[in-house]
Protein backbone atom coordinates (compact mmCIF):
# COMPACT_ATOMS: atom_id res chain seq x y z
CA MET A 1 13.43 9.43 -3.22
CA PHE A 2 10.23 7.93 -4.57
CA ARG A 3 11.17 4.36 -3.68
CA GLU A 4 12.04 5.46 -0.15
CA ALA A 5 8.63 7.11 0.26
CA LEU A 6 6.95 3.86 -0.76
CA GLN A 7 9.13 1.77 1.57
CA ASP A 8 8.52 4.18 4.44
CA ARG A 9 4.74 4.07 3.94
CA LEU A 10 4.78 0.27 3.91
CA ALA A 11 6.93 0.17 7.05
CA LEU A 12 4.47 2.52 8.76
CA LEU A 13 1.57 0.28 7.71
CA LYS A 14 3.29 -2.77 9.18
CA ALA A 15 4.04 -0.97 12.45
CA GLU A 16 0.49 0.34 12.74
CA LEU A 17 -0.98 -3.11 12.08
CA ASP A 18 1.38 -4.70 14.62
CA ALA A 19 0.18 -2.21 17.23
CA ALA A 20 -3.49 -2.40 16.25
CA GLY A 21 -6.11 -4.06 18.34
CA LYS A 22 -9.27 -5.52 16.90
CA GLU A 23 -10.50 -5.73 13.33
CA PRO A 24 -12.24 -2.33 13.08
CA GLU A 25 -8.97 -0.59 13.95
CA ARG A 26 -7.02 -2.74 11.48
CA ALA A 27 -9.57 -2.03 8.73
CA ALA A 28 -9.28 1.71 9.32
CA ILE A 29 -5.49 1.48 9.14
CA ARG A 30 -5.62 -0.48 5.87
CA LYS A 31 -8.15 1.97 4.40
CA GLN A 32 -5.89 4.90 5.26
CA ALA A 33 -2.88 3.07 3.81
CA LEU A 34 -4.81 2.37 0.60
CA GLU A 35 -5.65 6.05 0.25
CA SER A 36 -1.97 6.93 0.72
CA LEU A 37 -0.87 4.32 -1.80
CA LYS A 38 -3.44 5.51 -4.34
CA ALA A 39 -2.09 9.05 -3.96
CA LEU A 40 1.47 7.75 -4.40
CA GLU A 41 0.37 5.81 -7.48
CA GLU A 42 -1.15 8.96 -8.99
CA LEU A 43 2.01 10.90 -8.17
CA ALA A 44 4.15 8.21 -9.80
CA ALA A 45 1.99 8.37 -12.94
CA ARG A 46 2.26 12.17 -13.11
CA ARG A 47 6.03 11.98 -12.60
CA MET A 48 6.30 9.43 -15.42
CA GLU A 49 4.19 11.60 -17.74
CA SER A 50 6.43 14.59 -17.04
CA GLY A 51 9.60 12.58 -17.63
CA ARG A 52 10.74 12.71 -14.00
CA GLY A 53 9.71 9.15 -13.14
CA THR A 54 9.60 5.72 -14.68
CA LYS A 55 6.97 3.13 -15.48
CA LEU A 56 8.75 0.92 -12.96
CA ASP A 57 7.89 3.42 -10.20
CA VAL A 58 4.24 3.28 -11.22
CA LEU A 59 4.23 -0.51 -11.29
CA ARG A 60 5.96 -0.82 -7.91
CA VAL A 61 3.36 1.35 -6.20
CA LYS A 62 0.50 -0.37 -8.01
CA ALA A 63 1.75 -3.80 -6.96
CA GLN A 64 2.02 -2.75 -3.32
CA ARG A 65 -1.39 -1.08 -3.41
CA LEU A 66 -2.98 -4.21 -4.84
CA GLU A 67 -1.29 -6.38 -2.22
CA VAL A 68 -2.60 -4.19 0.61
CA GLU A 69 -6.03 -4.16 -1.01
CA MET A 70 -6.02 -7.97 -1.27
CA GLN A 71 -5.03 -8.32 2.38
CA TRP A 72 -7.80 -5.92 3.41
CA GLU A 73 -10.41 -7.87 1.43
CA GLN A 74 -9.12 -11.17 2.86
CA GLU A 75 -9.39 -9.82 6.39
CA LYS A 76 -12.95 -8.69 5.73
CA VAL A 77 -13.97 -12.26 4.87
CA ASN A 78 -11.49 -13.83 7.31
CA VAL A 79 -9.45 -15.66 4.68
CA PRO A 80 -5.88 -16.70 5.58
CA LYS A 81 -3.36 -14.18 4.26
CA TYR A 82 -1.57 -14.96 1.06
CA ARG A 83 2.17 -14.53 1.35
CA TRP A 84 4.50 -14.22 -1.60
CA PRO A 85 6.95 -17.12 -1.73
């Protein structure tokens, strides 16, 4: 369930960015996605602390959040996007 929520949020981010127009709209979309991912990260940590989740769940969300955050910062300074190999 948790992994699906993360995958769905990332798919929504991609779709919203594909449909977005200029930079201000893209920045707003990334900011909203970051807020969602931060909330998911906190939820994953609480689930782990209660024994209903794993450290892997926390790390997965954190990695995705950091990637989105990096892309947002790169767009702000107009740096080419880094893509994982």
